[in-house]
Amino acid sequence: MTQLFENNASSFLNGGISPATTGVMVSPGTGDKFPALSNGDYFTATLVGIDGNGKENAWEILKVIARTGDVLTVERGHESTTPMVWASGTPIELRITKAILSDLAEIALIKTLALAGL
């Protein structure tokens, strides 16, 4: 099971979703901006709430476990975020998250200790 990444992967929800929704549709023709998944691979994506002034005011991190065309199969509310109702047109982006950076720091520490013979 490998976490995959892609530069500048973003789209918008094509239809609203409820907290129980696990099949998320993105704008037509934009699903291929996100990583192709197989054999248990996954990526995380962030839903972003925007207020009336254009500022971000809400977030939900999704674990995307499958992608077929413009449909993402997701597990909701990852990294201590809460599944919420999201409207059609909500931005969805592949972003760096705290968990990703924590995993990288742990790998770097393990490699450093191995090189030091510890």
PDB file of N, CA and C in Angstrom:
ATOM      1  N   MET A   1       0.848  -1.172   0.000  1.00  0.00           N
ATOM      2  CA  MET A   1       0.000   0.000   0.000  1.00  0.00           C
ATOM      3  C   MET A   1       0.893   1.234   0.000  1.00  0.00           C
ATOM      4  N   THR A   2       0.884   1.979  -1.103  1.00  0.00           N
ATOM      5  CA  THR A   2       1.749   3.136  -1.268  1.00  0.00           C
ATOM      6  C   THR A   2       0.920   4.401  -1.417  1.00  0.00           C
ATOM      7  N   GLN A   3       1.345   5.455  -0.715  1.00  0.00           N
ATOM      8  CA  GLN A   3       0.691   6.743  -0.902  1.00  0.00           C
ATOM      9  C   GLN A   3       1.302   7.409  -2.125  1.00  0.00           C
ATOM     10  N   LEU A   4       0.444   7.847  -3.038  1.00  0.00           N
ATOM     11  CA  LEU A   4       0.888   8.466  -4.277  1.00  0.00           C
ATOM     12  C   LEU A   4       0.651   9.974  -4.238  1.00  0.00           C
ATOM     13  N   PHE A   5       1.404  10.684  -5.074  1.00  0.00           N
ATOM     14  CA  PHE A   5       1.336  12.139  -5.115  1.00  0.00           C
ATOM     15  C   PHE A   5       1.290  12.604  -6.562  1.00  0.00           C
ATOM     16  N   GLU A   6       0.864  13.821  -6.754  1.00  0.00           N
ATOM     17  CA  GLU A   6       0.847  14.436  -8.082  1.00  0.00           C
ATOM     18  C   GLU A   6       0.962  15.940  -7.878  1.00  0.00           C
ATOM     19  N   ASN A   7       1.717  16.607  -8.712  1.00  0.00           N
ATOM     20  CA  ASN A   7       1.835  18.060  -8.623  1.00  0.00           C
ATOM     21  C   ASN A   7       0.554  18.735  -9.106  1.00  0.00           C
ATOM     22  N   ASN A   8       0.111  19.718  -8.339  1.00  0.00           N
ATOM     23  CA  ASN A   8      -0.975  20.619  -8.745  1.00  0.00           C
ATOM     24  C   ASN A   8      -2.277  19.920  -9.127  1.00  0.00           C
ATOM     25  N   ALA A   9      -2.587  18.802  -8.504  1.00  0.00           N
ATOM     26  CA  ALA A   9      -3.847  18.104  -8.773  1.00  0.00           C
ATOM     27  C   ALA A   9      -4.981  18.825  -8.052  1.00  0.00           C
ATOM     28  N   SER A  10      -5.943  19.310  -8.824  1.00  0.00           N
ATOM     29  CA  SER A  10      -7.084  19.990  -8.216  1.00  0.00           C
ATOM     30  C   SER A  10      -8.273  19.924  -9.163  1.00  0.00           C
ATOM     31  N   SER A  11      -9.440  20.055  -8.570  1.00  0.00           N
ATOM     32  CA  SER A  11     -10.677  20.072  -9.336  1.00  0.00           C
ATOM     33  C   SER A  11     -11.749  20.675  -8.439  1.00  0.00           C
ATOM     34  N   PHE A  12     -13.001  20.435  -8.801  1.00  0.00           N
ATOM     35  CA  PHE A  12     -14.151  20.888  -8.025  1.00  0.00           C
ATOM     36  C   PHE A  12     -15.151  19.749  -7.958  1.00  0.00           C
ATOM     37  N   LEU A  13     -15.940  19.703  -6.880  1.00  0.00           N
ATOM     38  CA  LEU A  13     -16.978  18.687  -6.789  1.00  0.00           C
ATOM     39  C   LEU A  13     -18.004  18.911  -7.886  1.00  0.00           C
ATOM     40  N   ASN A  14     -18.387  17.821  -8.523  1.00  0.00           N
ATOM     41  CA  ASN A  14     -19.447  17.860  -9.533  1.00  0.00           C
ATOM     42  C   ASN A  14     -20.683  17.248  -8.889  1.00  0.00           C
ATOM     43  N   GLY A  15     -21.333  18.016  -8.050  1.00  0.00           N
ATOM     44  CA  GLY A  15     -22.467  17.549  -7.258  1.00  0.00           C
ATOM     45  C   GLY A  15     -22.118  17.608  -5.788  1.00  0.00           C
ATOM     46  N   GLY A  16     -23.095  17.937  -4.976  1.00  0.00           N
ATOM     47  CA  GLY A  16     -22.881  18.005  -3.542  1.00  0.00           C
ATOM     48  C   GLY A  16     -22.756  16.627  -2.922  1.00  0.00           C
ATOM     49  N   ILE A  17     -22.179  16.581  -1.721  1.00  0.00           N
ATOM     50  CA  ILE A  17     -22.033  15.316  -0.998  1.00  0.00           C
ATOM     51  C   ILE A  17     -22.462  15.487   0.453  1.00  0.00           C
ATOM     52  N   SER A  18     -22.935  14.388   1.037  1.00  0.00           N
ATOM     53  CA  SER A  18     -23.306  14.355   2.448  1.00  0.00           C
ATOM     54  C   SER A  18     -22.147  13.731   3.232  1.00  0.00           C
ATOM     55  N   PRO A  19     -22.202  13.755   4.574  1.00  0.00           N
ATOM     56  CA  PRO A  19     -21.124  13.155   5.357  1.00  0.00           C
ATOM     57  C   PRO A  19     -20.940  11.651   5.116  1.00  0.00           C
ATOM     58  N   ALA A  20     -21.959  10.970   4.609  1.00  0.00           N
ATOM     59  CA  ALA A  20     -21.866   9.527   4.382  1.00  0.00           C
ATOM     60  C   ALA A  20     -21.403   9.164   2.969  1.00  0.00           C
ATOM     61  N   THR A  21     -21.292  10.145   2.083  1.00  0.00           N
ATOM     62  CA  THR A  21     -20.931   9.883   0.691  1.00  0.00           C
ATOM     63  C   THR A  21     -19.515   9.325   0.594  1.00  0.00           C
ATOM     64  N   THR A  22     -19.361   8.246  -0.178  1.00  0.00           N
ATOM     65  CA  THR A  22     -18.032   7.675  -0.404  1.00  0.00           C
ATOM     66  C   THR A  22     -17.637   7.673  -1.874  1.00  0.00           C
ATOM     67  N   GLY A  23     -18.531   8.072  -2.742  1.00  0.00           N
ATOM     68  CA  GLY A  23     -18.231   8.219  -4.166  1.00  0.00           C
ATOM     69  C   GLY A  23     -18.322   9.682  -4.531  1.00  0.00           C
ATOM     70  N   VAL A  24     -17.191  10.298  -4.782  1.00  0.00           N
ATOM     71  CA  VAL A  24     -17.117  11.737  -5.017  1.00  0.00           C
ATOM     72  C   VAL A  24     -16.830  11.984  -6.496  1.00  0.00           C
ATOM     73  N   MET A  25     -17.693  12.756  -7.134  1.00  0.00           N
ATOM     74  CA  MET A  25     -17.492  13.103  -8.546  1.00  0.00           C
ATOM     75  C   MET A  25     -16.808  14.460  -8.636  1.00  0.00           C
ATOM     76  N   VAL A  26     -15.752  14.530  -9.472  1.00  0.00           N
ATOM     77  CA  VAL A  26     -15.079  15.797  -9.726  1.00  0.00           C
ATOM     78  C   VAL A  26     -15.511  16.314 -11.095  1.00  0.00           C
ATOM     79  N   SER A  27     -15.140  17.544 -11.400  1.00  0.00           N
ATOM     80  CA  SER A  27     -15.525  18.164 -12.671  1.00  0.00           C
ATOM     81  C   SER A  27     -15.179  17.257 -13.842  1.00  0.00           C
ATOM     82  N   PRO A  28     -16.074  17.195 -14.830  1.00  0.00           N
ATOM     83  CA  PRO A  28     -15.836  16.320 -15.980  1.00  0.00           C
ATOM     84  C   PRO A  28     -14.463  16.556 -16.624  1.00  0.00           C
ATOM     85  N   GLY A  29     -13.769  15.452 -16.867  1.00  0.00           N
ATOM     86  CA  GLY A  29     -12.476  15.495 -17.530  1.00  0.00           C
ATOM     87  C   GLY A  29     -11.297  15.853 -16.655  1.00  0.00           C
ATOM     88  N   THR A  30     -11.511  15.986 -15.332  1.00  0.00           N
ATOM     89  CA  THR A  30     -10.406  16.388 -14.450  1.00  0.00           C
ATOM     90  C   THR A  30      -9.906  15.272 -13.538  1.00  0.00           C
ATOM     91  N   GLY A  31     -10.562  14.127 -13.551  1.00  0.00           N
ATOM     92  CA  GLY A  31     -10.136  13.029 -12.680  1.00  0.00           C
ATOM     93  C   GLY A  31      -8.711  12.588 -12.946  1.00  0.00           C
ATOM     94  N   ASP A  32      -8.275  12.678 -14.199  1.00  0.00           N
ATOM     95  CA  ASP A  32      -6.924  12.223 -14.531  1.00  0.00           C
ATOM     96  C   ASP A  32      -5.834  13.177 -14.065  1.00  0.00           C
ATOM     97  N   LYS A  33      -6.201  14.299 -13.454  1.00  0.00           N
ATOM     98  CA  LYS A  33      -5.202  15.157 -12.810  1.00  0.00           C
ATOM     99  C   LYS A  33      -4.666  14.493 -11.546  1.00  0.00           C
ATOM    100  N   PHE A  34      -5.454  13.570 -10.979  1.00  0.00           N
ATOM    101  CA  PHE A  34      -5.099  12.886  -9.744  1.00  0.00           C
ATOM    102  C   PHE A  34      -4.404  11.567 -10.060  1.00  0.00           C
ATOM    103  N   PRO A  35      -3.636  11.014  -9.107  1.00  0.00           N
ATOM    104  CA  PRO A  35      -2.894   9.774  -9.375  1.00  0.00           C
ATOM    105  C   PRO A  35      -3.799   8.607  -9.769  1.00  0.00           C
ATOM    106  N   ALA A  36      -3.284   7.759 -10.679  1.00  0.00           N
ATOM    107  CA  ALA A  36      -3.935   6.485 -11.007  1.00  0.00           C
ATOM    108  C   ALA A  36      -3.598   5.510  -9.888  1.00  0.00           C
ATOM    109  N   LEU A  37      -4.582   4.774  -9.415  1.00  0.00           N
ATOM    110  CA  LEU A  37      -4.398   3.898  -8.257  1.00  0.00           C
ATOM    111  C   LEU A  37      -4.539   2.433  -8.642  1.00  0.00           C
ATOM    112  N   SER A  38      -3.735   1.586  -7.982  1.00  0.00           N
ATOM    113  CA  SER A  38      -3.853   0.134  -8.139  1.00  0.00           C
ATOM    114  C   SER A  38      -3.224  -0.546  -6.943  1.00  0.00           C
ATOM    115  N   ASN A  39      -3.586  -1.802  -6.727  1.00  0.00           N
ATOM    116  CA  ASN A  39      -2.956  -2.648  -5.701  1.00  0.00           C
ATOM    117  C   ASN A  39      -2.886  -2.012  -4.316  1.00  0.00           C
ATOM    118  N   GLY A  40      -3.955  -1.381  -3.884  1.00  0.00           N
ATOM    119  CA  GLY A  40      -3.988  -0.816  -2.538  1.00  0.00           C
ATOM    120  C   GLY A  40      -3.355   0.558  -2.417  1.00  0.00           C
ATOM    121  N   ASP A  41      -2.902   1.159  -3.537  1.00  0.00           N
ATOM    122  CA  ASP A  41      -2.363   2.513  -3.497  1.00  0.00           C
ATOM    123  C   ASP A  41      -3.465   3.483  -3.093  1.00  0.00           C
ATOM    124  N   TYR A  42      -3.072   4.654  -2.626  1.00  0.00           N
ATOM    125  CA  TYR A  42      -4.035   5.677  -2.237  1.00  0.00           C
ATOM    126  C   TYR A  42      -3.379   7.048  -2.324  1.00  0.00           C
ATOM    127  N   PHE A  43      -4.183   8.081  -2.239  1.00  0.00           N
ATOM    128  CA  PHE A  43      -3.689   9.438  -2.046  1.00  0.00           C
ATOM    129  C   PHE A  43      -4.680  10.167  -1.162  1.00  0.00           C
ATOM    130  N   THR A  44      -4.240  11.268  -0.587  1.00  0.00           N
ATOM    131  CA  THR A  44      -5.159  12.082   0.200  1.00  0.00           C
ATOM    132  C   THR A  44      -5.543  13.303  -0.617  1.00  0.00           C
ATOM    133  N   ALA A  45      -6.756  13.752  -0.406  1.00  0.00           N
ATOM    134  CA  ALA A  45      -7.260  14.959  -1.055  1.00  0.00           C
ATOM    135  C   ALA A  45      -7.976  15.788  -0.001  1.00  0.00           C
ATOM    136  N   THR A  46      -7.946  17.084  -0.182  1.00  0.00           N
ATOM    137  CA  THR A  46      -8.566  17.995   0.777  1.00  0.00           C
ATOM    138  C   THR A  46      -9.719  18.738   0.123  1.00  0.00           C
ATOM    139  N   LEU A  47     -10.880  18.688   0.768  1.00  0.00           N
ATOM    140  CA  LEU A  47     -12.022  19.525   0.394  1.00  0.00           C
ATOM    141  C   LEU A  47     -11.847  20.856   1.109  1.00  0.00           C
ATOM    142  N   VAL A  48     -12.087  21.955   0.406  1.00  0.00           N
ATOM    143  CA  VAL A  48     -11.788  23.280   0.939  1.00  0.00           C
ATOM    144  C   VAL A  48     -13.030  24.161   0.909  1.00  0.00           C
ATOM    145  N   GLY A  49     -13.457  24.616   2.086  1.00  0.00           N
ATOM    146  CA  GLY A  49     -14.557  25.570   2.176  1.00  0.00           C
ATOM    147  C   GLY A  49     -14.038  26.986   1.988  1.00  0.00           C
ATOM    148  N   ILE A  50     -14.756  27.782   1.220  1.00  0.00           N
ATOM    149  CA  ILE A  50     -14.370  29.167   0.936  1.00  0.00           C
ATOM    150  C   ILE A  50     -15.497  30.093   1.406  1.00  0.00           C
ATOM    151  N   ASP A  51     -15.139  31.107   2.196  1.00  0.00           N
ATOM    152  CA  ASP A  51     -16.167  32.036   2.671  1.00  0.00           C
ATOM    153  C   ASP A  51     -16.481  33.094   1.616  1.00  0.00           C
ATOM    154  N   GLY A  52     -17.384  34.007   1.933  1.00  0.00           N
ATOM    155  CA  GLY A  52     -17.814  35.039   0.991  1.00  0.00           C
ATOM    156  C   GLY A  52     -16.717  36.006   0.576  1.00  0.00           C
ATOM    157  N   ASN A  53     -15.629  36.038   1.344  1.00  0.00           N
ATOM    158  CA  ASN A  53     -14.498  36.909   1.013  1.00  0.00           C
ATOM    159  C   ASN A  53     -13.388  36.169   0.274  1.00  0.00           C
ATOM    160  N   GLY A  54     -13.654  34.914  -0.078  1.00  0.00           N
ATOM    161  CA  GLY A  54     -12.664  34.130  -0.805  1.00  0.00           C
ATOM    162  C   GLY A  54     -11.593  33.502   0.064  1.00  0.00           C
ATOM    163  N   LYS A  55     -11.806  33.501   1.381  1.00  0.00           N
ATOM    164  CA  LYS A  55     -10.822  32.919   2.302  1.00  0.00           C
ATOM    165  C   LYS A  55     -11.246  31.506   2.700  1.00  0.00           C
ATOM    166  N   GLU A  56     -10.259  30.635   2.860  1.00  0.00           N
ATOM    167  CA  GLU A  56     -10.542  29.270   3.311  1.00  0.00           C
ATOM    168  C   GLU A  56     -11.047  29.312   4.747  1.00  0.00           C
ATOM    169  N   ASN A  57     -12.112  28.536   5.013  1.00  0.00           N
ATOM    170  CA  ASN A  57     -12.660  28.532   6.367  1.00  0.00           C
ATOM    171  C   ASN A  57     -13.056  27.144   6.859  1.00  0.00           C
ATOM    172  N   ALA A  58     -12.890  26.113   6.031  1.00  0.00           N
ATOM    173  CA  ALA A  58     -13.233  24.749   6.445  1.00  0.00           C
ATOM    174  C   ALA A  58     -12.454  23.776   5.564  1.00  0.00           C
ATOM    175  N   TRP A  59     -12.136  22.601   6.140  1.00  0.00           N
ATOM    176  CA  TRP A  59     -11.368  21.603   5.428  1.00  0.00           C
ATOM    177  C   TRP A  59     -11.816  20.210   5.851  1.00  0.00           C
ATOM    178  N   GLU A  60     -11.721  19.276   4.935  1.00  0.00           N
ATOM    179  CA  GLU A  60     -11.884  17.856   5.254  1.00  0.00           C
ATOM    180  C   GLU A  60     -10.871  17.086   4.412  1.00  0.00           C
ATOM    181  N   ILE A  61     -10.127  16.212   5.077  1.00  0.00           N
ATOM    182  CA  ILE A  61      -9.143  15.394   4.377  1.00  0.00           C
ATOM    183  C   ILE A  61      -9.758  14.035   4.078  1.00  0.00           C
ATOM    184  N   LEU A  62      -9.639  13.628   2.821  1.00  0.00           N
ATOM    185  CA  LEU A  62     -10.163  12.350   2.349  1.00  0.00           C
ATOM    186  C   LEU A  62      -9.010  11.418   2.015  1.00  0.00           C
ATOM    187  N   LYS A  63      -9.192  10.140   2.265  1.00  0.00           N
ATOM    188  CA  LYS A  63      -8.266   9.124   1.765  1.00  0.00           C
ATOM    189  C   LYS A  63      -8.928   8.555   0.515  1.00  0.00           C
ATOM    190  N   VAL A  64      -8.299   8.752  -0.626  1.00  0.00           N
ATOM    191  CA  VAL A  64      -8.849   8.277  -1.895  1.00  0.00           C
ATOM    192  C   VAL A  64      -8.267   6.901  -2.171  1.00  0.00           C
ATOM    193  N   ILE A  65      -9.144   5.898  -2.249  1.00  0.00           N
ATOM    194  CA  ILE A  65      -8.695   4.510  -2.391  1.00  0.00           C
ATOM    195  C   ILE A  65      -8.934   3.945  -3.789  1.00  0.00           C
ATOM    196  N   ALA A  66      -9.657   4.684  -4.628  1.00  0.00           N
ATOM    197  CA  ALA A  66      -9.874   4.267  -6.022  1.00  0.00           C
ATOM    198  C   ALA A  66     -10.252   5.492  -6.831  1.00  0.00           C
ATOM    199  N   ARG A  67      -9.872   5.454  -8.109  1.00  0.00           N
ATOM    200  CA  ARG A  67     -10.267   6.514  -9.034  1.00  0.00           C
ATOM    201  C   ARG A  67     -10.630   5.874 -10.362  1.00  0.00           C
ATOM    202  N   THR A  68     -11.872   6.101 -10.792  1.00  0.00           N
ATOM    203  CA  THR A  68     -12.344   5.632 -12.085  1.00  0.00           C
ATOM    204  C   THR A  68     -12.862   6.842 -12.838  1.00  0.00           C
ATOM    205  N   GLY A  69     -12.106   7.285 -13.824  1.00  0.00           N
ATOM    206  CA  GLY A  69     -12.499   8.484 -14.548  1.00  0.00           C
ATOM    207  C   GLY A  69     -12.567   9.666 -13.606  1.00  0.00           C
ATOM    208  N   ASP A  70     -13.748  10.261 -13.503  1.00  0.00           N
ATOM    209  CA  ASP A  70     -13.945  11.437 -12.663  1.00  0.00           C
ATOM    210  C   ASP A  70     -14.612  11.110 -11.328  1.00  0.00           C
ATOM    211  N   VAL A  71     -14.613   9.829 -10.952  1.00  0.00           N
ATOM    212  CA  VAL A  71     -15.207   9.410  -9.682  1.00  0.00           C
ATOM    213  C   VAL A  71     -14.113   8.905  -8.753  1.00  0.00           C
ATOM    214  N   LEU A  72     -14.046   9.505  -7.565  1.00  0.00           N
ATOM    215  CA  LEU A  72     -13.097   9.101  -6.536  1.00  0.00           C
ATOM    216  C   LEU A  72     -13.831   8.319  -5.459  1.00  0.00           C
ATOM    217  N   THR A  73     -13.327   7.147  -5.109  1.00  0.00           N
ATOM    218  CA  THR A  73     -13.865   6.392  -3.981  1.00  0.00           C
ATOM    219  C   THR A  73     -13.034   6.775  -2.772  1.00  0.00           C
ATOM    220  N   VAL A  74     -13.707   7.240  -1.724  1.00  0.00           N
ATOM    221  CA  VAL A  74     -12.990   7.861  -0.606  1.00  0.00           C
ATOM    222  C   VAL A  74     -13.411   7.295   0.742  1.00  0.00           C
ATOM    223  N   GLU A  75     -12.496   7.442   1.686  1.00  0.00           N
ATOM    224  CA  GLU A  75     -12.796   7.275   3.110  1.00  0.00           C
ATOM    225  C   GLU A  75     -12.776   8.681   3.674  1.00  0.00           C
ATOM    226  N   ARG A  76     -13.830   9.025   4.416  1.00  0.00           N
ATOM    227  CA  ARG A  76     -14.035  10.405   4.854  1.00  0.00           C
ATOM    228  C   ARG A  76     -13.394  10.702   6.200  1.00  0.00           C
ATOM    229  N   GLY A  77     -13.126  11.982   6.435  1.00  0.00           N
ATOM    230  CA  GLY A  77     -12.715  12.479   7.741  1.00  0.00           C
ATOM    231  C   GLY A  77     -11.377  11.979   8.241  1.00  0.00           C
ATOM    232  N   HIS A  78     -10.370  12.000   7.407  1.00  0.00           N
ATOM    233  CA  HIS A  78      -9.043  11.560   7.838  1.00  0.00           C
ATOM    234  C   HIS A  78      -8.294  12.687   8.545  1.00  0.00           C
ATOM    235  N   GLU A  79      -7.267  12.305   9.276  1.00  0.00           N
ATOM    236  CA  GLU A  79      -6.384  13.238   9.983  1.00  0.00           C
ATOM    237  C   GLU A  79      -7.171  14.190  10.891  1.00  0.00           C
ATOM    238  N   SER A  80      -8.078  13.621  11.649  1.00  0.00           N
ATOM    239  CA  SER A  80      -8.868  14.355  12.649  1.00  0.00           C
ATOM    240  C   SER A  80      -9.794  15.409  12.048  1.00  0.00           C
ATOM    241  N   THR A  81     -10.135  15.280  10.762  1.00  0.00           N
ATOM    242  CA  THR A  81     -11.152  16.158  10.198  1.00  0.00           C
ATOM    243  C   THR A  81     -12.499  15.443  10.267  1.00  0.00           C
ATOM    244  N   THR A  82     -13.563  16.186  10.140  1.00  0.00           N
ATOM    245  CA  THR A  82     -14.910  15.656  10.283  1.00  0.00           C
ATOM    246  C   THR A  82     -15.631  15.646   8.940  1.00  0.00           C
ATOM    247  N   PRO A  83     -16.251  14.509   8.578  1.00  0.00           N
ATOM    248  CA  PRO A  83     -17.059  14.499   7.356  1.00  0.00           C
ATOM    249  C   PRO A  83     -18.184  15.528   7.456  1.00  0.00           C
ATOM    250  N   MET A  84     -18.333  16.313   6.408  1.00  0.00           N
ATOM    251  CA  MET A  84     -19.331  17.378   6.396  1.00  0.00           C
ATOM    252  C   MET A  84     -20.127  17.336   5.089  1.00  0.00           C
ATOM    253  N   VAL A  85     -21.132  18.178   5.014  1.00  0.00           N
ATOM    254  CA  VAL A  85     -21.860  18.415   3.773  1.00  0.00           C
ATOM    255  C   VAL A  85     -21.025  19.394   2.954  1.00  0.00           C
ATOM    256  N   TRP A  86     -20.828  19.050   1.675  1.00  0.00           N
ATOM    257  CA  TRP A  86     -20.080  19.925   0.776  1.00  0.00           C
ATOM    258  C   TRP A  86     -20.907  20.153  -0.486  1.00  0.00           C
ATOM    259  N   ALA A  87     -20.949  21.396  -0.949  1.00  0.00           N
ATOM    260  CA  ALA A  87     -21.755  21.766  -2.112  1.00  0.00           C
ATOM    261  C   ALA A  87     -21.018  21.481  -3.413  1.00  0.00           C
ATOM    262  N   SER A  88     -21.784  21.316  -4.465  1.00  0.00           N
ATOM    263  CA  SER A  88     -21.208  21.233  -5.806  1.00  0.00           C
ATOM    264  C   SER A  88     -20.354  22.479  -6.031  1.00  0.00           C
ATOM    265  N   GLY A  89     -19.207  22.304  -6.655  1.00  0.00           N
ATOM    266  CA  GLY A  89     -18.301  23.423  -6.903  1.00  0.00           C
ATOM    267  C   GLY A  89     -17.233  23.606  -5.842  1.00  0.00           C
ATOM    268  N   THR A  90     -17.310  22.822  -4.754  1.00  0.00           N
ATOM    269  CA  THR A  90     -16.288  22.910  -3.707  1.00  0.00           C
ATOM    270  C   THR A  90     -14.936  22.474  -4.268  1.00  0.00           C
ATOM    271  N   PRO A  91     -13.867  23.237  -4.009  1.00  0.00           N
ATOM    272  CA  PRO A  91     -12.542  22.815  -4.452  1.00  0.00           C
ATOM    273  C   PRO A  91     -12.108  21.517  -3.755  1.00  0.00           C
ATOM    274  N   ILE A  92     -11.440  20.645  -4.519  1.00  0.00           N
ATOM    275  CA  ILE A  92     -10.823  19.436  -3.992  1.00  0.00           C
ATOM    276  C   ILE A  92      -9.406  19.403  -4.551  1.00  0.00           C
ATOM    277  N   GLU A  93      -8.427  19.272  -3.652  1.00  0.00           N
ATOM    278  CA  GLU A  93      -7.030  19.402  -4.042  1.00  0.00           C
ATOM    279  C   GLU A  93      -6.170  18.357  -3.368  1.00  0.00           C
ATOM    280  N   LEU A  94      -5.133  17.928  -4.064  1.00  0.00           N
ATOM    281  CA  LEU A  94      -4.120  17.077  -3.462  1.00  0.00           C
ATOM    282  C   LEU A  94      -3.118  18.027  -2.815  1.00  0.00           C
ATOM    283  N   ARG A  95      -3.103  18.025  -1.458  1.00  0.00           N
ATOM    284  CA  ARG A  95      -2.258  18.942  -0.696  1.00  0.00           C
ATOM    285  C   ARG A  95      -1.341  18.159   0.243  1.00  0.00           C
ATOM    286  N   ILE A  96      -0.259  18.803   0.624  1.00  0.00           N
ATOM    287  CA  ILE A  96       0.596  18.248   1.675  1.00  0.00           C
ATOM    288  C   ILE A  96      -0.157  18.395   2.995  1.00  0.00           C
ATOM    289  N   THR A  97      -0.142  17.342   3.809  1.00  0.00           N
ATOM    290  CA  THR A  97      -0.825  17.380   5.102  1.00  0.00           C
ATOM    291  C   THR A  97       0.164  17.072   6.227  1.00  0.00           C
ATOM    292  N   LYS A  98      -0.275  17.295   7.436  1.00  0.00           N
ATOM    293  CA  LYS A  98       0.558  17.022   8.611  1.00  0.00           C
ATOM    294  C   LYS A  98       1.016  15.567   8.626  1.00  0.00           C
ATOM    295  N   ALA A  99       0.131  14.639   8.313  1.00  0.00           N
ATOM    296  CA  ALA A  99       0.490  13.213   8.350  1.00  0.00           C
ATOM    297  C   ALA A  99       1.576  12.892   7.321  1.00  0.00           C
ATOM    298  N   ILE A 100       1.486  13.492   6.140  1.00  0.00           N
ATOM    299  CA  ILE A 100       2.500  13.266   5.113  1.00  0.00           C
ATOM    300  C   ILE A 100       3.859  13.738   5.618  1.00  0.00           C
ATOM    301  N   LEU A 101       3.899  14.947   6.166  1.00  0.00           N
ATOM    302  CA  LEU A 101       5.169  15.482   6.656  1.00  0.00           C
ATOM    303  C   LEU A 101       5.697  14.685   7.845  1.00  0.00           C
ATOM    304  N   SER A 102       4.819  14.229   8.716  1.00  0.00           N
ATOM    305  CA  SER A 102       5.241  13.404   9.859  1.00  0.00           C
ATOM    306  C   SER A 102       5.839  12.092   9.378  1.00  0.00           C
ATOM    307  N   ASP A 103       5.220  11.477   8.377  1.00  0.00           N
ATOM    308  CA  ASP A 103       5.759  10.227   7.819  1.00  0.00           C
ATOM    309  C   ASP A 103       7.137  10.451   7.210  1.00  0.00           C
ATOM    310  N   LEU A 104       7.319  11.532   6.495  1.00  0.00           N
ATOM    311  CA  LEU A 104       8.621  11.839   5.891  1.00  0.00           C
ATOM    312  C   LEU A 104       9.688  12.082   6.955  1.00  0.00           C
ATOM    313  N   ALA A 105       9.314  12.784   8.031  1.00  0.00           N
ATOM    314  CA  ALA A 105      10.266  13.034   9.116  1.00  0.00           C
ATOM    315  C   ALA A 105      10.682  11.726   9.777  1.00  0.00           C
ATOM    316  N   GLU A 106       9.737  10.825   9.958  1.00  0.00           N
ATOM    317  CA  GLU A 106      10.041   9.531  10.566  1.00  0.00           C
ATOM    318  C   GLU A 106      10.984   8.714   9.676  1.00  0.00           C
ATOM    319  N   ILE A 107      10.731   8.716   8.378  1.00  0.00           N
ATOM    320  CA  ILE A 107      11.594   7.994   7.440  1.00  0.00           C
ATOM    321  C   ILE A 107      13.002   8.587   7.466  1.00  0.00           C
ATOM    322  N   ALA A 108      13.104   9.913   7.483  1.00  0.00           N
ATOM    323  CA  ALA A 108      14.416  10.569   7.526  1.00  0.00           C
ATOM    324  C   ALA A 108      15.173  10.202   8.796  1.00  0.00           C
ATOM    325  N   LEU A 109      14.467  10.148   9.922  1.00  0.00           N
ATOM    326  CA  LEU A 109      15.107   9.778  11.186  1.00  0.00           C
ATOM    327  C   LEU A 109      15.607   8.343  11.138  1.00  0.00           C
ATOM    328  N   ILE A 110      14.807   7.436  10.629  1.00  0.00           N
ATOM    329  CA  ILE A 110      15.199   6.025  10.531  1.00  0.00           C
ATOM    330  C   ILE A 110      16.444   5.895   9.658  1.00  0.00           C
ATOM    331  N   LYS A 111      16.464   6.591   8.529  1.00  0.00           N
ATOM    332  CA  LYS A 111      17.623   6.521   7.636  1.00  0.00           C
ATOM    333  C   LYS A 111      18.864   7.103   8.297  1.00  0.00           C
ATOM    334  N   THR A 112      18.692   8.206   9.015  1.00  0.00           N
ATOM    335  CA  THR A 112      19.828   8.839   9.721  1.00  0.00           C
ATOM    336  C   THR A 112      20.395   7.888  10.763  1.00  0.00           C
ATOM    337  N   LEU A 113      19.511   7.247  11.533  1.00  0.00           N
ATOM    338  CA  LEU A 113      19.960   6.311  12.560  1.00  0.00           C
ATOM    339  C   LEU A 113      20.649   5.097  11.937  1.00  0.00           C
ATOM    340  N   ALA A 114      20.131   4.626  10.814  1.00  0.00           N
ATOM    341  CA  ALA A 114      20.740   3.478  10.131  1.00  0.00           C
ATOM    342  C   ALA A 114      22.137   3.841   9.627  1.00  0.00           C
ATOM    343  N   LEU A 115      22.283   5.024   9.055  1.00  0.00           N
ATOM    344  CA  LEU A 115      23.589   5.459   8.566  1.00  0.00           C
ATOM    345  C   LEU A 115      24.583   5.632   9.701  1.00  0.00           C
ATOM    346  N   ALA A 116      24.078   5.997  10.866  1.00  0.00           N
ATOM    347  CA  ALA A 116      24.939   6.168  12.046  1.00  0.00           C
ATOM    348  C   ALA A 116      25.220   4.835  12.736  1.00  0.00           C
ATOM    349  N   GLY A 117      24.622   3.791  12.224  1.00  0.00           N
ATOM    350  CA  GLY A 117      24.834   2.462  12.822  1.00  0.00           C
ATOM    351  C   GLY A 117      24.096   2.260  14.129  1.00  0.00           C
ATOM    352  N   LEU A 118      23.060   2.998  14.347  1.00  0.00           N
ATOM    353  CA  LEU A 118      22.283   2.873  15.604  1.00  0.00           C
ATOM    354  C   LEU A 118      21.047   2.025  15.404  1.00  0.00           C
TER     355      LEU A 118
END
